[in-house]
Amino acid sequence: MWFKRDLRFTDHEPLFMAQQENIPLLLVYFFEPSIMACDDADVRHWRFVYESLKEMQSKLKSFAAQIYYFHNEVQTVFEHLSSLYDIQTVFSHQEIGNKVTFDRDIAMESFFDDHKILWKQAQLHGVIRKLRSKQDWDKRWEETMRAIPKMIDLNTFEFEDLDPDYYQKLKGKALSTEITNRHENFQQGGEYWAWRYLESFAKERHVNYSRHISKPSLSRKGCSRLSPYLTYGNISMRMVYQYTNQFYETSPNKRAMLNFVSRLHWHCHFMQKFENDCQIEFENINKDYDSLVKPKNENLYKSLAGG
């Protein structure tokens, strides 16, 4: 099981698929140096990931299992693992990310094919890879959100262990303390916190959603604050959709509730746009902006970035 942006155990389709196989399962995650070095990456992202993994590890303790995380490139680790194990299948979610992650997935697809390894990938949120027509996209999104969640039972898995010495040699350099130490000014990663934010929003905080969404200070309470938890998969879009809708009839502000659900749809809509028109990572959507060239003010950039 290759965890990516799906750091949870609830409504997890790749784990659900693996549960049906009834074979030993090794759980892995990769802090990839090539991805961590990208311009769109920041230490706060990897701290959130680390906190999410830490919570998952606590849930696995009672099953004498763990997620083996590597500060190393994916292919490097799989080359070693494939020499140690007869890997039959790799399970993961598709990743809708930048070009570096896309190129990595292309390389891994080739690697798995060469090693006769089946790679089973599940759709992420409502985003459809290689979508040929957007005509029925809204309908398909709704069907995905209303589908029965993919629930698992950790008791049914036979988890595989790595030899401790072997793991340490392959694990890579230790993560920086900036990643492994909690920062009190940021939301904490993990499935537990995702559900706490969702519960308080669906039951109470949503009433001011429409009025406070554009107000920097008030939006801290009036909005869901679920963005990082959806980004790194501490909770599935489907569970947010279904849980929120349970409170619609009793909501004192149904319009706010509907506005929130519509933005769940928008979330996937724009991810789908990025998936279909991936060149916008490097090019302007509106070509008229190509003629606007402005010098980069390093001091202003650093001040805005908090540097």
C-alpha atoms as a PDB file:
ATOM      1  CA  MET A   1       0.000   0.000   0.000  1.00  0.00           C
ATOM      2  CA  TRP A   2       1.613   3.212  -1.246  1.00  0.00           C
ATOM      3  CA  PHE A   3       0.101   6.130   0.669  1.00  0.00           C
ATOM      4  CA  LYS A   4       0.101   9.471  -1.098  1.00  0.00           C
ATOM      5  CA  ARG A   5      -2.471  12.217  -0.444  1.00  0.00           C
ATOM      6  CA  ASP A   6      -4.771   9.775   1.364  1.00  0.00           C
ATOM      7  CA  LEU A   7      -3.513   9.672   4.940  1.00  0.00           C
ATOM      8  CA  ARG A   8      -6.512   8.057   6.637  1.00  0.00           C
ATOM      9  CA  PHE A   9      -8.195   4.713   7.271  1.00  0.00           C
ATOM     10  CA  THR A  10     -11.832   5.760   6.744  1.00  0.00           C
ATOM     11  CA  ASP A  11     -13.343   5.459   3.231  1.00  0.00           C
ATOM     12  CA  HIS A  12     -10.040   4.397   1.663  1.00  0.00           C
ATOM     13  CA  GLU A  13     -10.553   2.602  -1.648  1.00  0.00           C
ATOM     14  CA  PRO A  14      -6.982   1.301  -2.207  1.00  0.00           C
ATOM     15  CA  LEU A  15      -6.987  -0.257   1.274  1.00  0.00           C
ATOM     16  CA  PHE A  16     -10.444  -1.636   0.529  1.00  0.00           C
ATOM     17  CA  MET A  17      -9.104  -3.241  -2.658  1.00  0.00           C
ATOM     18  CA  ALA A  18      -6.107  -4.629  -0.791  1.00  0.00           C
ATOM     19  CA  GLN A  19      -8.428  -6.122   1.814  1.00  0.00           C
ATOM     20  CA  GLN A  20     -10.025  -8.249  -0.893  1.00  0.00           C
ATOM     21  CA  GLU A  21      -6.669  -9.734  -1.976  1.00  0.00           C
ATOM     22  CA  ASN A  22      -5.990 -11.578   1.291  1.00  0.00           C
ATOM     23  CA  ILE A  23      -2.187 -11.387   0.945  1.00  0.00           C
ATOM     24  CA  PRO A  24       0.466  -9.826   3.258  1.00  0.00           C
ATOM     25  CA  LEU A  25       0.431  -6.042   2.987  1.00  0.00           C
ATOM     26  CA  LEU A  26       3.326  -3.640   3.487  1.00  0.00           C
ATOM     27  CA  LEU A  27       2.374  -0.017   4.244  1.00  0.00           C
ATOM     28  CA  VAL A  28       4.728   2.644   2.848  1.00  0.00           C
ATOM     29  CA  TYR A  29       4.942   6.422   2.470  1.00  0.00           C
ATOM     30  CA  PHE A  30       7.661   8.490   0.794  1.00  0.00           C
ATOM     31  CA  PHE A  31       9.063  11.891   1.711  1.00  0.00           C
ATOM     32  CA  GLU A  32      10.556  12.329  -1.737  1.00  0.00           C
ATOM     33  CA  PRO A  33      13.499  14.781  -1.906  1.00  0.00           C
ATOM     34  CA  SER A  34      12.589  15.678  -5.511  1.00  0.00           C
ATOM     35  CA  ILE A  35       9.039  16.626  -4.464  1.00  0.00           C
ATOM     36  CA  MET A  36      10.113  18.386  -1.274  1.00  0.00           C
ATOM     37  CA  ALA A  37      12.476  20.575  -3.330  1.00  0.00           C
ATOM     38  CA  CYS A  38       9.683  21.883  -5.587  1.00  0.00           C
ATOM     39  CA  ASP A  39       8.778  25.576  -5.495  1.00  0.00           C
ATOM     40  CA  ASP A  40       5.225  24.759  -4.403  1.00  0.00           C
ATOM     41  CA  ALA A  41       6.399  22.785  -1.352  1.00  0.00           C
ATOM     42  CA  ASP A  42       6.975  24.126   2.140  1.00  0.00           C
ATOM     43  CA  VAL A  43       8.073  22.683   5.466  1.00  0.00           C
ATOM     44  CA  ARG A  44       4.565  23.276   6.854  1.00  0.00           C
ATOM     45  CA  HIS A  45       3.214  20.781   4.292  1.00  0.00           C
ATOM     46  CA  TRP A  46       5.594  18.024   5.364  1.00  0.00           C
ATOM     47  CA  ARG A  47       4.977  18.765   9.043  1.00  0.00           C
ATOM     48  CA  PHE A  48       1.270  18.246   8.394  1.00  0.00           C
ATOM     49  CA  VAL A  49       2.027  14.973   6.604  1.00  0.00           C
ATOM     50  CA  TYR A  50       4.293  13.825   9.430  1.00  0.00           C
ATOM     51  CA  GLU A  51       1.593  14.578  12.005  1.00  0.00           C
ATOM     52  CA  SER A  52      -0.938  12.680   9.910  1.00  0.00           C
ATOM     53  CA  LEU A  53       1.354   9.647   9.700  1.00  0.00           C
ATOM     54  CA  LYS A  54       2.053   9.850  13.415  1.00  0.00           C
ATOM     55  CA  GLU A  55      -1.652   9.587  14.180  1.00  0.00           C
ATOM     56  CA  MET A  56      -2.048   6.653  11.788  1.00  0.00           C
ATOM     57  CA  GLN A  57       0.897   4.918  13.474  1.00  0.00           C
ATOM     58  CA  SER A  58      -0.862   5.229  16.835  1.00  0.00           C
ATOM     59  CA  LYS A  59      -3.906   3.428  15.412  1.00  0.00           C
ATOM     60  CA  LEU A  60      -1.727   0.647  14.003  1.00  0.00           C
ATOM     61  CA  LYS A  61       0.053  -0.089  17.285  1.00  0.00           C
ATOM     62  CA  SER A  62      -2.651  -2.432  18.530  1.00  0.00           C
ATOM     63  CA  PHE A  63      -2.249  -4.448  15.312  1.00  0.00           C
ATOM     64  CA  ALA A  64       1.533  -4.694  15.705  1.00  0.00           C
ATOM     65  CA  ALA A  65       1.857  -2.850  12.403  1.00  0.00           C
ATOM     66  CA  GLN A  66       3.289   0.410  11.116  1.00  0.00           C
ATOM     67  CA  ILE A  67       3.605   2.589   8.058  1.00  0.00           C
ATOM     68  CA  TYR A  68       7.224   2.517   6.903  1.00  0.00           C
ATOM     69  CA  TYR A  69       8.069   6.024   5.764  1.00  0.00           C
ATOM     70  CA  PHE A  70      11.156   6.748   3.687  1.00  0.00           C
ATOM     71  CA  HIS A  71      13.016   9.986   3.122  1.00  0.00           C
ATOM     72  CA  ASN A  72      14.016   8.669  -0.255  1.00  0.00           C
ATOM     73  CA  GLU A  73      12.843   8.493  -3.862  1.00  0.00           C
ATOM     74  CA  VAL A  74      10.050   6.052  -4.638  1.00  0.00           C
ATOM     75  CA  GLN A  75      11.807   4.080  -7.375  1.00  0.00           C
ATOM     76  CA  THR A  76      14.984   3.729  -5.314  1.00  0.00           C
ATOM     77  CA  VAL A  77      13.043   2.095  -2.487  1.00  0.00           C
ATOM     78  CA  PHE A  78      10.938  -0.114  -4.748  1.00  0.00           C
ATOM     79  CA  GLU A  79      14.064  -1.377  -6.513  1.00  0.00           C
ATOM     80  CA  HIS A  80      15.313  -2.667  -3.160  1.00  0.00           C
ATOM     81  CA  LEU A  81      11.920  -3.972  -2.031  1.00  0.00           C
ATOM     82  CA  SER A  82      11.370  -5.846  -5.293  1.00  0.00           C
ATOM     83  CA  SER A  83      14.660  -7.681  -4.765  1.00  0.00           C
ATOM     84  CA  LEU A  84      13.529  -8.702  -1.281  1.00  0.00           C
ATOM     85  CA  TYR A  85       9.858  -9.487  -1.919  1.00  0.00           C
ATOM     86  CA  ASP A  86       7.752 -11.035  -4.629  1.00  0.00           C
ATOM     87  CA  ILE A  87       5.568  -7.947  -5.022  1.00  0.00           C
ATOM     88  CA  GLN A  88       2.330  -8.879  -6.746  1.00  0.00           C
ATOM     89  CA  THR A  89       0.318  -5.663  -6.497  1.00  0.00           C
ATOM     90  CA  VAL A  90       0.814  -2.048  -5.475  1.00  0.00           C
ATOM     91  CA  PHE A  91      -2.266  -0.134  -4.313  1.00  0.00           C
ATOM     92  CA  SER A  92      -2.561   3.654  -4.288  1.00  0.00           C
ATOM     93  CA  HIS A  93      -4.755   6.620  -5.112  1.00  0.00           C
ATOM     94  CA  GLN A  94      -4.072   8.567  -8.271  1.00  0.00           C
ATOM     95  CA  GLU A  95      -2.262  11.797  -7.491  1.00  0.00           C
ATOM     96  CA  ILE A  96      -3.402  15.065  -9.044  1.00  0.00           C
ATOM     97  CA  GLY A  97      -0.286  17.119  -8.470  1.00  0.00           C
ATOM     98  CA  ASN A  98       2.430  18.984 -10.337  1.00  0.00           C
ATOM     99  CA  LYS A  99       4.496  17.807 -13.287  1.00  0.00           C
ATOM    100  CA  VAL A 100       7.186  16.325 -11.038  1.00  0.00           C
ATOM    101  CA  THR A 101       4.686  13.953  -9.404  1.00  0.00           C
ATOM    102  CA  PHE A 102       3.146  13.147 -12.793  1.00  0.00           C
ATOM    103  CA  ASP A 103       6.539  12.302 -14.308  1.00  0.00           C
ATOM    104  CA  ARG A 104       7.337  10.188 -11.252  1.00  0.00           C
ATOM    105  CA  ASP A 105       4.117   8.231 -11.730  1.00  0.00           C
ATOM    106  CA  ILE A 106       4.927   7.655 -15.408  1.00  0.00           C
ATOM    107  CA  ALA A 107       8.351   6.330 -14.404  1.00  0.00           C
ATOM    108  CA  MET A 108       6.835   4.106 -11.729  1.00  0.00           C
ATOM    109  CA  GLU A 109       4.254   2.736 -14.137  1.00  0.00           C
ATOM    110  CA  SER A 110       7.111   1.701 -16.415  1.00  0.00           C
ATOM    111  CA  PHE A 111       9.022   0.232 -13.457  1.00  0.00           C
ATOM    112  CA  PHE A 112       6.029  -1.819 -12.297  1.00  0.00           C
ATOM    113  CA  ASP A 113       5.392  -3.071 -15.837  1.00  0.00           C
ATOM    114  CA  ASP A 114       9.022  -4.146 -16.203  1.00  0.00           C
ATOM    115  CA  HIS A 115       8.834  -6.050 -12.900  1.00  0.00           C
ATOM    116  CA  LYS A 116       5.434  -7.626 -13.672  1.00  0.00           C
ATOM    117  CA  ILE A 117       3.834  -5.744 -10.760  1.00  0.00           C
ATOM    118  CA  LEU A 118       0.175  -4.825 -11.034  1.00  0.00           C
ATOM    119  CA  TRP A 119      -0.513  -1.215 -10.027  1.00  0.00           C
ATOM    120  CA  LYS A 120      -4.110  -0.679  -8.901  1.00  0.00           C
ATOM    121  CA  GLN A 121      -4.983   3.004  -8.573  1.00  0.00           C
ATOM    122  CA  ALA A 122      -8.218   4.489  -7.252  1.00  0.00           C
ATOM    123  CA  GLN A 123      -9.775   7.762  -8.330  1.00  0.00           C
ATOM    124  CA  LEU A 124      -8.997  10.750  -6.083  1.00  0.00           C
ATOM    125  CA  HIS A 125     -12.077  12.717  -4.979  1.00  0.00           C
ATOM    126  CA  GLY A 126     -14.216  13.403  -8.041  1.00  0.00           C
ATOM    127  CA  VAL A 127     -11.329  13.942 -10.445  1.00  0.00           C
ATOM    128  CA  ILE A 128     -11.237  11.654 -13.479  1.00  0.00           C
ATOM    129  CA  ARG A 129      -7.930  10.941 -15.175  1.00  0.00           C
ATOM    130  CA  LYS A 130      -7.867  10.965 -18.996  1.00  0.00           C
ATOM    131  CA  LEU A 131     -11.347  12.486 -19.125  1.00  0.00           C
ATOM    132  CA  ARG A 132     -12.396  12.703 -22.776  1.00  0.00           C
ATOM    133  CA  SER A 133     -15.589  14.703 -22.343  1.00  0.00           C
ATOM    134  CA  LYS A 134     -16.832  16.995 -19.562  1.00  0.00           C
ATOM    135  CA  GLN A 135     -20.416  16.496 -20.650  1.00  0.00           C
ATOM    136  CA  ASP A 136     -21.438  14.135 -17.809  1.00  0.00           C
ATOM    137  CA  TRP A 137     -18.818  15.210 -15.285  1.00  0.00           C
ATOM    138  CA  ASP A 138     -21.300  16.811 -12.859  1.00  0.00           C
ATOM    139  CA  LYS A 139     -23.440  13.666 -12.845  1.00  0.00           C
ATOM    140  CA  ARG A 140     -20.434  11.408 -12.300  1.00  0.00           C
ATOM    141  CA  TRP A 141     -19.206  13.621  -9.460  1.00  0.00           C
ATOM    142  CA  GLU A 142     -22.583  13.366  -7.747  1.00  0.00           C
ATOM    143  CA  GLU A 143     -22.602   9.584  -8.159  1.00  0.00           C
ATOM    144  CA  THR A 144     -19.139   9.334  -6.620  1.00  0.00           C
ATOM    145  CA  MET A 145     -20.109  11.484  -3.638  1.00  0.00           C
ATOM    146  CA  ARG A 146     -23.317   9.517  -3.002  1.00  0.00           C
ATOM    147  CA  ALA A 147     -21.701   6.083  -3.370  1.00  0.00           C
ATOM    148  CA  ILE A 148     -21.289   3.779  -0.374  1.00  0.00           C
ATOM    149  CA  PRO A 149     -17.992   4.627   1.404  1.00  0.00           C
ATOM    150  CA  LYS A 150     -15.186   2.085   1.136  1.00  0.00           C
ATOM    151  CA  MET A 151     -14.813   1.016   4.756  1.00  0.00           C
ATOM    152  CA  ILE A 152     -12.142  -1.383   6.005  1.00  0.00           C
ATOM    153  CA  ASP A 153     -11.472  -3.489   9.073  1.00  0.00           C
ATOM    154  CA  LEU A 154      -7.828  -3.344  10.171  1.00  0.00           C
ATOM    155  CA  ASN A 155      -8.309  -6.635  12.025  1.00  0.00           C
ATOM    156  CA  THR A 156      -8.609  -8.483   8.721  1.00  0.00           C
ATOM    157  CA  PHE A 157      -5.202  -7.499   7.326  1.00  0.00           C
ATOM    158  CA  GLU A 158      -2.008  -9.520   7.488  1.00  0.00           C
ATOM    159  CA  PHE A 159       0.553  -6.731   7.756  1.00  0.00           C
ATOM    160  CA  GLU A 160       4.110  -7.306   6.556  1.00  0.00           C
ATOM    161  CA  ASP A 161       7.131  -6.220   8.618  1.00  0.00           C
ATOM    162  CA  LEU A 162      10.527  -5.011   7.465  1.00  0.00           C
ATOM    163  CA  ASP A 163      13.690  -6.079   9.207  1.00  0.00           C
ATOM    164  CA  PRO A 164      14.661  -3.101  11.445  1.00  0.00           C
ATOM    165  CA  ASP A 165      18.278  -2.976  10.239  1.00  0.00           C
ATOM    166  CA  TYR A 166      17.227  -3.235   6.605  1.00  0.00           C
ATOM    167  CA  TYR A 167      14.653  -0.478   7.119  1.00  0.00           C
ATOM    168  CA  GLN A 168      17.166   1.886   8.704  1.00  0.00           C
ATOM    169  CA  LYS A 169      19.582   1.449   5.792  1.00  0.00           C
ATOM    170  CA  LEU A 170      16.854   2.177   3.255  1.00  0.00           C
ATOM    171  CA  LYS A 171      14.941   4.819   5.207  1.00  0.00           C
ATOM    172  CA  GLY A 172      17.149   7.752   4.212  1.00  0.00           C
ATOM    173  CA  LYS A 173      18.255  10.811   6.161  1.00  0.00           C
ATOM    174  CA  ALA A 174      16.337  11.833   9.256  1.00  0.00           C
ATOM    175  CA  LEU A 175      13.638  14.434   8.677  1.00  0.00           C
ATOM    176  CA  SER A 176      14.420  17.924   9.943  1.00  0.00           C
ATOM    177  CA  THR A 177      13.164  18.975  13.373  1.00  0.00           C
ATOM    178  CA  GLU A 178      11.063  21.641  11.618  1.00  0.00           C
ATOM    179  CA  ILE A 179       9.029  18.752  10.231  1.00  0.00           C
ATOM    180  CA  THR A 180       8.969  16.457  13.233  1.00  0.00           C
ATOM    181  CA  ASN A 181       8.291  19.127  15.884  1.00  0.00           C
ATOM    182  CA  ARG A 182       4.804  20.512  16.410  1.00  0.00           C
ATOM    183  CA  HIS A 183       4.190  24.177  15.502  1.00  0.00           C
ATOM    184  CA  GLU A 184       1.358  25.618  17.571  1.00  0.00           C
ATOM    185  CA  ASN A 185       0.434  28.277  14.980  1.00  0.00           C
ATOM    186  CA  PHE A 186      -0.696  25.719  12.414  1.00  0.00           C
ATOM    187  CA  GLN A 187      -3.588  23.284  12.243  1.00  0.00           C
ATOM    188  CA  GLN A 188      -2.571  19.809  13.303  1.00  0.00           C
ATOM    189  CA  GLY A 189      -2.603  17.003  10.757  1.00  0.00           C
ATOM    190  CA  GLY A 190      -4.543  13.797  11.232  1.00  0.00           C
ATOM    191  CA  GLU A 191      -7.887  12.111  10.684  1.00  0.00           C
ATOM    192  CA  TYR A 192      -9.020  12.916  14.233  1.00  0.00           C
ATOM    193  CA  TRP A 193      -8.679  16.658  13.675  1.00  0.00           C
ATOM    194  CA  ALA A 194     -10.326  16.493  10.253  1.00  0.00           C
ATOM    195  CA  TRP A 195     -13.462  14.996  11.809  1.00  0.00           C
ATOM    196  CA  ARG A 196     -13.437  17.482  14.686  1.00  0.00           C
ATOM    197  CA  TYR A 197     -13.380  20.425  12.291  1.00  0.00           C
ATOM    198  CA  LEU A 198     -16.073  18.847  10.129  1.00  0.00           C
ATOM    199  CA  GLU A 199     -18.341  18.088  13.078  1.00  0.00           C
ATOM    200  CA  SER A 200     -18.168  21.590  14.562  1.00  0.00           C
ATOM    201  CA  PHE A 201     -18.730  23.147  11.131  1.00  0.00           C
ATOM    202  CA  ALA A 202     -21.672  20.936  10.113  1.00  0.00           C
ATOM    203  CA  LYS A 203     -23.392  21.249  13.496  1.00  0.00           C
ATOM    204  CA  GLU A 204     -22.700  24.894  14.365  1.00  0.00           C
ATOM    205  CA  ARG A 205     -20.140  27.018  12.527  1.00  0.00           C
ATOM    206  CA  HIS A 206     -21.662  26.779   9.036  1.00  0.00           C
ATOM    207  CA  VAL A 207     -24.425  29.286   9.860  1.00  0.00           C
ATOM    208  CA  ASN A 208     -22.060  32.193   9.110  1.00  0.00           C
ATOM    209  CA  TYR A 209     -20.334  30.526   6.170  1.00  0.00           C
ATOM    210  CA  SER A 210     -21.747  32.725   3.370  1.00  0.00           C
ATOM    211  CA  ARG A 211     -21.319  35.970   5.330  1.00  0.00           C
ATOM    212  CA  HIS A 212     -17.807  35.328   6.620  1.00  0.00           C
ATOM    213  CA  ILE A 213     -16.142  33.462   3.771  1.00  0.00           C
ATOM    214  CA  SER A 214     -14.456  36.615   2.422  1.00  0.00           C
ATOM    215  CA  LYS A 215     -13.502  38.078   5.806  1.00  0.00           C
ATOM    216  CA  PRO A 216      -9.954  37.036   6.839  1.00  0.00           C
ATOM    217  CA  SER A 217     -10.535  37.105  10.600  1.00  0.00           C
ATOM    218  CA  LEU A 218     -14.145  35.882  10.745  1.00  0.00           C
ATOM    219  CA  SER A 219     -13.577  33.117   8.195  1.00  0.00           C
ATOM    220  CA  ARG A 220     -11.383  31.338  10.750  1.00  0.00           C
ATOM    221  CA  LYS A 221     -14.588  30.292  12.514  1.00  0.00           C
ATOM    222  CA  GLY A 222     -17.225  30.698   9.802  1.00  0.00           C
ATOM    223  CA  CYS A 223     -15.478  28.466   7.250  1.00  0.00           C
ATOM    224  CA  SER A 224     -14.864  24.730   7.511  1.00  0.00           C
ATOM    225  CA  ARG A 225     -11.036  24.888   7.709  1.00  0.00           C
ATOM    226  CA  LEU A 226     -10.984  21.482   6.025  1.00  0.00           C
ATOM    227  CA  SER A 227      -8.695  22.457   3.146  1.00  0.00           C
ATOM    228  CA  PRO A 228      -5.447  20.875   4.454  1.00  0.00           C
ATOM    229  CA  TYR A 229      -7.323  17.744   5.537  1.00  0.00           C
ATOM    230  CA  LEU A 230      -8.777  17.315   2.043  1.00  0.00           C
ATOM    231  CA  THR A 231      -5.429  18.132   0.442  1.00  0.00           C
ATOM    232  CA  TYR A 232      -3.592  15.376   2.284  1.00  0.00           C
ATOM    233  CA  GLY A 233      -6.523  13.015   2.487  1.00  0.00           C
ATOM    234  CA  ASN A 234      -7.121  12.948   6.238  1.00  0.00           C
ATOM    235  CA  ILE A 235     -10.770  12.782   5.230  1.00  0.00           C
ATOM    236  CA  SER A 236     -12.386  11.892   1.921  1.00  0.00           C
ATOM    237  CA  MET A 237     -14.477  14.340  -0.066  1.00  0.00           C
ATOM    238  CA  ARG A 238     -17.263  11.763  -0.047  1.00  0.00           C
ATOM    239  CA  MET A 239     -17.373  11.609   3.750  1.00  0.00           C
ATOM    240  CA  VAL A 240     -17.453  15.422   3.992  1.00  0.00           C
ATOM    241  CA  TYR A 241     -20.301  15.522   1.465  1.00  0.00           C
ATOM    242  CA  GLN A 242     -22.369  12.792   3.102  1.00  0.00           C
ATOM    243  CA  TYR A 243     -21.770  13.906   6.685  1.00  0.00           C
ATOM    244  CA  THR A 244     -22.633  17.541   5.907  1.00  0.00           C
ATOM    245  CA  ASN A 245     -25.852  16.590   4.129  1.00  0.00           C
ATOM    246  CA  GLN A 246     -27.045  14.733   7.219  1.00  0.00           C
ATOM    247  CA  PHE A 247     -27.485  18.100   8.947  1.00  0.00           C
ATOM    248  CA  TYR A 248     -29.182  19.937   6.092  1.00  0.00           C
ATOM    249  CA  GLU A 249     -32.784  19.470   7.247  1.00  0.00           C
ATOM    250  CA  THR A 250     -32.078  20.665  10.792  1.00  0.00           C
ATOM    251  CA  SER A 251     -29.765  23.489   9.754  1.00  0.00           C
ATOM    252  CA  PRO A 252     -30.785  27.014  10.822  1.00  0.00           C
ATOM    253  CA  ASN A 253     -29.123  28.302   7.637  1.00  0.00           C
ATOM    254  CA  LYS A 254     -29.755  25.913   4.765  1.00  0.00           C
ATOM    255  CA  ARG A 255     -28.460  28.393   2.199  1.00  0.00           C
ATOM    256  CA  ALA A 256     -25.052  28.442   3.867  1.00  0.00           C
ATOM    257  CA  MET A 257     -25.023  24.655   3.890  1.00  0.00           C
ATOM    258  CA  LEU A 258     -25.829  24.537   0.169  1.00  0.00           C
ATOM    259  CA  ASN A 259     -23.119  27.098  -0.577  1.00  0.00           C
ATOM    260  CA  PHE A 260     -20.578  24.939   1.218  1.00  0.00           C
ATOM    261  CA  VAL A 261     -21.599  21.775  -0.646  1.00  0.00           C
ATOM    262  CA  SER A 262     -21.384  23.668  -3.934  1.00  0.00           C
ATOM    263  CA  ARG A 263     -17.782  24.562  -3.101  1.00  0.00           C
ATOM    264  CA  LEU A 264     -16.960  20.910  -2.553  1.00  0.00           C
ATOM    265  CA  HIS A 265     -18.081  20.515  -6.156  1.00  0.00           C
ATOM    266  CA  TRP A 266     -15.945  23.495  -7.210  1.00  0.00           C
ATOM    267  CA  HIS A 267     -12.943  21.973  -5.429  1.00  0.00           C
ATOM    268  CA  CYS A 268     -13.022  18.954  -7.724  1.00  0.00           C
ATOM    269  CA  HIS A 269     -14.062  21.040 -10.728  1.00  0.00           C
ATOM    270  CA  PHE A 270     -10.860  23.087 -10.617  1.00  0.00           C
ATOM    271  CA  MET A 271      -8.714  20.056  -9.847  1.00  0.00           C
ATOM    272  CA  GLN A 272     -10.274  18.465 -12.925  1.00  0.00           C
ATOM    273  CA  LYS A 273      -9.403  21.562 -14.922  1.00  0.00           C
ATOM    274  CA  PHE A 274      -5.806  21.312 -13.761  1.00  0.00           C
ATOM    275  CA  GLU A 275      -5.792  17.609 -14.658  1.00  0.00           C
ATOM    276  CA  ASN A 276      -7.145  18.305 -18.160  1.00  0.00           C
ATOM    277  CA  ASP A 277      -5.152  21.490 -18.837  1.00  0.00           C
ATOM    278  CA  CYS A 278      -1.980  20.702 -16.931  1.00  0.00           C
ATOM    279  CA  GLN A 279       0.072  23.172 -18.972  1.00  0.00           C
ATOM    280  CA  ILE A 280      -1.355  25.971 -16.799  1.00  0.00           C
ATOM    281  CA  GLU A 281       1.315  25.057 -14.266  1.00  0.00           C
ATOM    282  CA  PHE A 282       3.716  26.856 -16.602  1.00  0.00           C
ATOM    283  CA  GLU A 283       1.526  28.921 -18.957  1.00  0.00           C
ATOM    284  CA  ASN A 284      -1.136  31.590 -18.553  1.00  0.00           C
ATOM    285  CA  ILE A 285      -4.693  30.459 -19.212  1.00  0.00           C
ATOM    286  CA  ASN A 286      -5.357  33.864 -20.724  1.00  0.00           C
ATOM    287  CA  LYS A 287      -2.615  34.383 -23.318  1.00  0.00           C
ATOM    288  CA  ASP A 288      -3.007  38.175 -23.085  1.00  0.00           C
ATOM    289  CA  TYR A 289      -1.055  37.989 -19.828  1.00  0.00           C
ATOM    290  CA  ASP A 290       1.984  36.670 -21.686  1.00  0.00           C
ATOM    291  CA  SER A 291       2.853  40.241 -22.685  1.00  0.00           C
ATOM    292  CA  LEU A 292       2.850  41.443 -19.058  1.00  0.00           C
ATOM    293  CA  VAL A 293       6.411  41.082 -17.810  1.00  0.00           C
ATOM    294  CA  LYS A 294       7.269  42.510 -14.413  1.00  0.00           C
ATOM    295  CA  PRO A 295      10.567  42.303 -12.529  1.00  0.00           C
ATOM    296  CA  LYS A 296      10.546  40.131  -9.434  1.00  0.00           C
ATOM    297  CA  ASN A 297      10.950  42.106  -6.219  1.00  0.00           C
ATOM    298  CA  GLU A 298      12.839  39.680  -3.969  1.00  0.00           C
ATOM    299  CA  ASN A 299      12.360  41.757  -0.803  1.00  0.00           C
ATOM    300  CA  LEU A 300       8.618  42.037  -1.342  1.00  0.00           C
ATOM    301  CA  TYR A 301       8.390  38.341  -2.149  1.00  0.00           C
ATOM    302  CA  LYS A 302      10.211  37.383   1.052  1.00  0.00           C
ATOM    303  CA  SER A 303       8.039  39.668   3.182  1.00  0.00           C
ATOM    304  CA  LEU A 304       4.833  38.193   1.726  1.00  0.00           C
ATOM    305  CA  ALA A 305       6.171  34.676   2.214  1.00  0.00           C
ATOM    306  CA  GLY A 306       7.015  35.386   5.830  1.00  0.00           C
ATOM    307  CA  GLY A 307      10.751  35.201   5.232  1.00  0.00           C
END
